[in-house]
Amino acid sequence: MSTTTDALVTATLIAPGAILTAAALITQHRGKADSAAVNQVLAASAAERAARAATTDTAPPDGGEGAPAPAVTAPAARLATVLPFTGAGARRAA
């Protein structure tokens, strides 16, 4: 093959990867900035909820009825006993 053909084949094979790599790096960079902004908002929200939870008032903010007391659950029912199948049709370990 000639040098020109080799250069064209190389450019054809490498160019899409280089373009996709550049696009991926730009996307990751922007994603980190978005993540930082989201984390900042989440931290502010968590601080606000913690400040609200520090108060001992259990009534809802709109003056409605409070949350019901947790229900007492009955103990779980026992399941049926599993019977092992032994006999002529049972398989054994090899």
N, C-alpha and C. Protein backbone atom coordinates (compact mmCIF):
# COMPACT_ATOMS: atom_id res chain seq x y z
N MET A 1 0.84 -1.18 0.00
CA MET A 1 0.00 0.00 0.00
C MET A 1 0.88 1.24 0.00
N SER A 2 0.33 2.26 -0.52
CA SER A 2 1.09 3.51 -0.57
C SER A 2 0.94 4.28 0.74
N THR A 3 1.76 5.27 0.92
CA THR A 3 1.74 6.10 2.12
C THR A 3 0.43 6.86 2.23
N THR A 4 -0.10 7.30 1.09
CA THR A 4 -1.36 8.05 1.09
C THR A 4 -2.51 7.15 1.55
N THR A 5 -2.53 5.94 1.06
CA THR A 5 -3.58 5.01 1.46
C THR A 5 -3.48 4.69 2.95
N ASP A 6 -2.26 4.48 3.42
CA ASP A 6 -2.07 4.21 4.84
C ASP A 6 -2.55 5.39 5.69
N ALA A 7 -2.28 6.59 5.26
CA ALA A 7 -2.70 7.78 6.01
C ALA A 7 -4.22 7.90 6.02
N LEU A 8 -4.85 7.62 4.91
CA LEU A 8 -6.32 7.69 4.84
C LEU A 8 -6.97 6.63 5.73
N VAL A 9 -6.44 5.43 5.69
CA VAL A 9 -6.99 4.35 6.52
C VAL A 9 -6.80 4.68 8.00
N THR A 10 -5.65 5.18 8.35
CA THR A 10 -5.37 5.55 9.74
C THR A 10 -6.31 6.66 10.20
N ALA A 11 -6.50 7.66 9.36
CA ALA A 11 -7.40 8.77 9.71
C ALA A 11 -8.83 8.29 9.83
N THR A 12 -9.23 7.38 8.97
CA THR A 12 -10.59 6.84 9.01
C THR A 12 -10.83 6.04 10.28
N LEU A 13 -9.84 5.32 10.73
CA LEU A 13 -10.01 4.49 11.92
C LEU A 13 -9.87 5.29 13.22
N ILE A 14 -9.00 6.29 13.25
CA ILE A 14 -8.72 7.01 14.49
C ILE A 14 -9.64 8.21 14.70
N ALA A 15 -10.07 8.87 13.64
CA ALA A 15 -10.85 10.11 13.77
C ALA A 15 -12.15 9.92 14.57
N PRO A 16 -12.97 8.89 14.32
CA PRO A 16 -14.20 8.76 15.11
C PRO A 16 -13.92 8.58 16.61
N GLY A 17 -12.90 7.83 16.93
CA GLY A 17 -12.54 7.64 18.33
C GLY A 17 -12.09 8.93 18.99
N ALA A 18 -11.32 9.73 18.26
CA ALA A 18 -10.85 11.01 18.80
C ALA A 18 -12.01 11.96 19.02
N ILE A 19 -12.94 11.99 18.07
CA ILE A 19 -14.11 12.88 18.20
C ILE A 19 -14.98 12.45 19.37
N LEU A 20 -15.23 11.15 19.49
CA LEU A 20 -16.05 10.64 20.60
C LEU A 20 -15.37 10.86 21.95
N THR A 21 -14.07 10.72 21.99
CA THR A 21 -13.34 10.97 23.23
C THR A 21 -13.46 12.42 23.66
N ALA A 22 -13.32 13.34 22.72
CA ALA A 22 -13.45 14.76 23.05
C ALA A 22 -14.86 15.07 23.54
N ALA A 23 -15.86 14.51 22.89
CA ALA A 23 -17.25 14.75 23.32
C ALA A 23 -17.50 14.17 24.72
N ALA A 24 -16.96 12.99 24.98
CA ALA A 24 -17.14 12.37 26.29
C ALA A 24 -16.47 13.19 27.39
N LEU A 25 -15.28 13.71 27.11
CA LEU A 25 -14.58 14.52 28.11
C LEU A 25 -15.32 15.81 28.41
N ILE A 26 -15.89 16.44 27.38
CA ILE A 26 -16.66 17.66 27.59
C ILE A 26 -17.91 17.36 28.42
N THR A 27 -18.58 16.26 28.12
CA THR A 27 -19.78 15.88 28.86
C THR A 27 -19.46 15.59 30.32
N GLN A 28 -18.37 14.90 30.57
CA GLN A 28 -17.98 14.61 31.96
C GLN A 28 -17.66 15.88 32.71
N HIS A 29 -17.01 16.82 32.07
CA HIS A 29 -16.66 18.08 32.73
C HIS A 29 -17.93 18.84 33.11
N ARG A 30 -18.89 18.91 32.20
CA ARG A 30 -20.15 19.60 32.50
C ARG A 30 -20.95 18.83 33.55
N GLY A 31 -20.88 17.52 33.52
CA GLY A 31 -21.59 16.71 34.50
C GLY A 31 -21.07 16.95 35.91
N LYS A 32 -19.77 17.14 36.05
CA LYS A 32 -19.20 17.41 37.37
C LYS A 32 -19.69 18.74 37.91
N ALA A 33 -19.82 19.74 37.05
CA ALA A 33 -20.33 21.04 37.49
C ALA A 33 -21.79 20.91 37.91
N ASP A 34 -22.58 20.15 37.14
CA ASP A 34 -23.98 19.93 37.51
C ASP A 34 -24.07 19.17 38.83
N SER A 35 -23.22 18.18 39.01
CA SER A 35 -23.24 17.40 40.25
C SER A 35 -22.89 18.27 41.45
N ALA A 36 -21.95 19.18 41.28
CA ALA A 36 -21.58 20.07 42.37
C ALA A 36 -22.76 20.96 42.75
N ALA A 37 -23.49 21.46 41.76
CA ALA A 37 -24.65 22.31 42.04
C ALA A 37 -25.75 21.50 42.73
N VAL A 38 -25.98 20.28 42.27
CA VAL A 38 -26.99 19.42 42.89
C VAL A 38 -26.60 19.09 44.32
N ASN A 39 -25.34 18.77 44.56
CA ASN A 39 -24.89 18.46 45.92
C ASN A 39 -25.05 19.66 46.84
N GLN A 40 -24.82 20.86 46.33
CA GLN A 40 -24.98 22.07 47.14
C GLN A 40 -26.45 22.26 47.52
N VAL A 41 -27.35 22.06 46.58
CA VAL A 41 -28.79 22.19 46.88
C VAL A 41 -29.23 21.11 47.86
N LEU A 42 -28.74 19.89 47.68
CA LEU A 42 -29.10 18.80 48.61
C LEU A 42 -28.59 19.08 50.01
N ALA A 43 -27.39 19.63 50.13
CA ALA A 43 -26.85 19.96 51.45
C ALA A 43 -27.68 21.04 52.12
N ALA A 44 -28.10 22.05 51.36
CA ALA A 44 -28.95 23.10 51.93
C ALA A 44 -30.28 22.54 52.36
N SER A 45 -30.85 21.65 51.57
CA SER A 45 -32.13 21.02 51.92
C SER A 45 -31.99 20.16 53.17
N ALA A 46 -30.90 19.41 53.26
CA ALA A 46 -30.68 18.56 54.44
C ALA A 46 -30.51 19.41 55.70
N ALA A 47 -29.82 20.54 55.58
CA ALA A 47 -29.64 21.43 56.73
C ALA A 47 -30.99 22.00 57.15
N GLU A 48 -31.83 22.35 56.18
CA GLU A 48 -33.15 22.90 56.50
C GLU A 48 -34.03 21.84 57.19
N ARG A 49 -33.98 20.61 56.69
CA ARG A 49 -34.76 19.53 57.32
C ARG A 49 -34.26 19.23 58.73
N ALA A 50 -32.94 19.28 58.93
CA ALA A 50 -32.39 19.03 60.25
C ALA A 50 -32.81 20.12 61.22
N ALA A 51 -32.84 21.37 60.74
CA ALA A 51 -33.28 22.46 61.61
C ALA A 51 -34.76 22.31 61.95
N ARG A 52 -35.56 21.88 60.98
CA ARG A 52 -36.98 21.67 61.23
C ARG A 52 -37.21 20.49 62.18
N ALA A 53 -36.40 19.45 62.06
CA ALA A 53 -36.55 18.27 62.91
C ALA A 53 -36.10 18.55 64.34
N ALA A 54 -35.28 19.57 64.52
CA ALA A 54 -34.78 19.88 65.86
C ALA A 54 -35.90 20.44 66.75
N THR A 55 -36.92 20.99 66.15
CA THR A 55 -38.04 21.49 66.95
C THR A 55 -38.85 20.32 67.45
N THR A 56 -39.48 20.48 68.61
CA THR A 56 -40.25 19.39 69.21
C THR A 56 -41.71 19.42 68.80
N ASP A 57 -42.11 20.37 67.99
CA ASP A 57 -43.50 20.46 67.55
C ASP A 57 -43.77 19.35 66.54
N THR A 58 -44.73 18.47 66.83
CA THR A 58 -45.03 17.36 65.94
C THR A 58 -46.22 17.63 65.05
N ALA A 59 -46.86 18.78 65.21
CA ALA A 59 -48.00 19.10 64.37
C ALA A 59 -47.53 19.49 62.97
N PRO A 60 -48.31 19.18 61.95
CA PRO A 60 -47.93 19.57 60.59
C PRO A 60 -47.91 21.09 60.46
N PRO A 61 -47.16 21.62 59.51
CA PRO A 61 -47.04 23.07 59.37
C PRO A 61 -48.36 23.74 58.97
N ASP A 62 -49.28 23.02 58.33
CA ASP A 62 -50.53 23.65 57.92
C ASP A 62 -51.59 23.58 59.01
N GLY A 63 -51.25 23.07 60.18
CA GLY A 63 -52.18 23.03 61.29
C GLY A 63 -53.11 21.83 61.26
N GLY A 64 -52.87 20.88 60.40
CA GLY A 64 -53.74 19.70 60.28
C GLY A 64 -53.46 18.68 61.37
N GLU A 65 -54.01 17.52 61.19
CA GLU A 65 -53.86 16.44 62.16
C GLU A 65 -52.48 15.82 62.05
N GLY A 66 -51.89 15.45 63.18
CA GLY A 66 -50.55 14.87 63.19
C GLY A 66 -50.54 13.47 62.62
N ALA A 67 -49.36 12.92 62.50
CA ALA A 67 -49.20 11.57 61.96
C ALA A 67 -49.75 10.55 62.95
N PRO A 68 -50.34 9.48 62.47
CA PRO A 68 -50.87 8.45 63.37
C PRO A 68 -49.73 7.69 64.05
N ALA A 69 -50.06 7.09 65.17
CA ALA A 69 -49.07 6.28 65.89
C ALA A 69 -48.79 5.03 65.05
N PRO A 70 -47.58 4.51 65.11
CA PRO A 70 -47.29 3.31 64.33
C PRO A 70 -48.15 2.14 64.78
N ALA A 71 -48.64 1.37 63.84
CA ALA A 71 -49.50 0.23 64.14
C ALA A 71 -48.65 -0.92 64.68
N VAL A 72 -49.22 -1.64 65.62
CA VAL A 72 -48.55 -2.81 66.17
C VAL A 72 -48.83 -3.96 65.22
N THR A 73 -47.78 -4.55 64.71
CA THR A 73 -47.96 -5.65 63.76
C THR A 73 -47.93 -6.98 64.48
N ALA A 74 -48.71 -7.92 63.98
CA ALA A 74 -48.75 -9.26 64.56
C ALA A 74 -47.49 -10.01 64.14
N PRO A 75 -47.08 -10.97 64.94
CA PRO A 75 -45.90 -11.74 64.54
C PRO A 75 -46.18 -12.51 63.25
N ALA A 76 -45.14 -12.75 62.51
CA ALA A 76 -45.28 -13.43 61.23
C ALA A 76 -45.78 -14.85 61.44
N ALA A 77 -46.66 -15.29 60.55
CA ALA A 77 -47.19 -16.66 60.64
C ALA A 77 -46.12 -17.64 60.19
N ARG A 78 -46.10 -18.79 60.84
CA ARG A 78 -45.15 -19.82 60.45
C ARG A 78 -45.54 -20.42 59.12
N LEU A 79 -44.55 -20.70 58.32
CA LEU A 79 -44.80 -21.33 57.04
C LEU A 79 -44.87 -22.84 57.21
N ALA A 80 -45.38 -23.50 56.21
CA ALA A 80 -45.51 -24.95 56.27
C ALA A 80 -44.13 -25.60 56.27
N THR A 81 -44.06 -26.75 56.86
CA THR A 81 -42.81 -27.50 56.92
C THR A 81 -42.49 -28.06 55.55
N VAL A 82 -41.24 -27.99 55.16
CA VAL A 82 -40.81 -28.53 53.87
C VAL A 82 -40.37 -29.97 54.09
N LEU A 83 -40.95 -30.86 53.32
CA LEU A 83 -40.64 -32.28 53.46
C LEU A 83 -39.60 -32.68 52.42
N PRO A 84 -38.57 -33.39 52.84
CA PRO A 84 -37.57 -33.84 51.87
C PRO A 84 -38.12 -35.03 51.06
N PHE A 85 -37.85 -35.05 49.78
CA PHE A 85 -38.28 -36.15 48.93
C PHE A 85 -37.16 -37.19 48.89
N THR A 86 -37.39 -38.28 49.56
CA THR A 86 -36.41 -39.36 49.53
C THR A 86 -37.11 -40.59 48.98
N GLY A 87 -36.41 -41.39 48.32
CA GLY A 87 -37.00 -42.61 47.77
C GLY A 87 -36.39 -42.94 46.44
N ALA A 88 -37.16 -43.68 45.64
CA ALA A 88 -36.65 -44.19 44.36
C ALA A 88 -36.39 -43.07 43.37
N GLY A 89 -37.21 -42.03 43.38
CA GLY A 89 -37.05 -40.97 42.39
C GLY A 89 -36.07 -39.88 42.79
N ALA A 90 -35.51 -39.96 44.00
CA ALA A 90 -34.61 -38.90 44.48
C ALA A 90 -33.25 -39.02 43.80
N ARG A 91 -32.67 -37.89 43.47
CA ARG A 91 -31.34 -37.89 42.85
C ARG A 91 -30.28 -37.75 43.92
N ARG A 92 -29.17 -38.32 43.65
CA ARG A 92 -28.04 -38.22 44.57
C ARG A 92 -26.97 -37.36 43.96
N ALA A 93 -26.13 -36.82 44.81
CA ALA A 93 -25.00 -36.02 44.32
C ALA A 93 -24.07 -36.91 43.53
N ALA A 94 -23.50 -36.38 42.48
CA ALA A 94 -22.60 -37.19 41.63
C ALA A 94 -21.27 -37.41 42.27
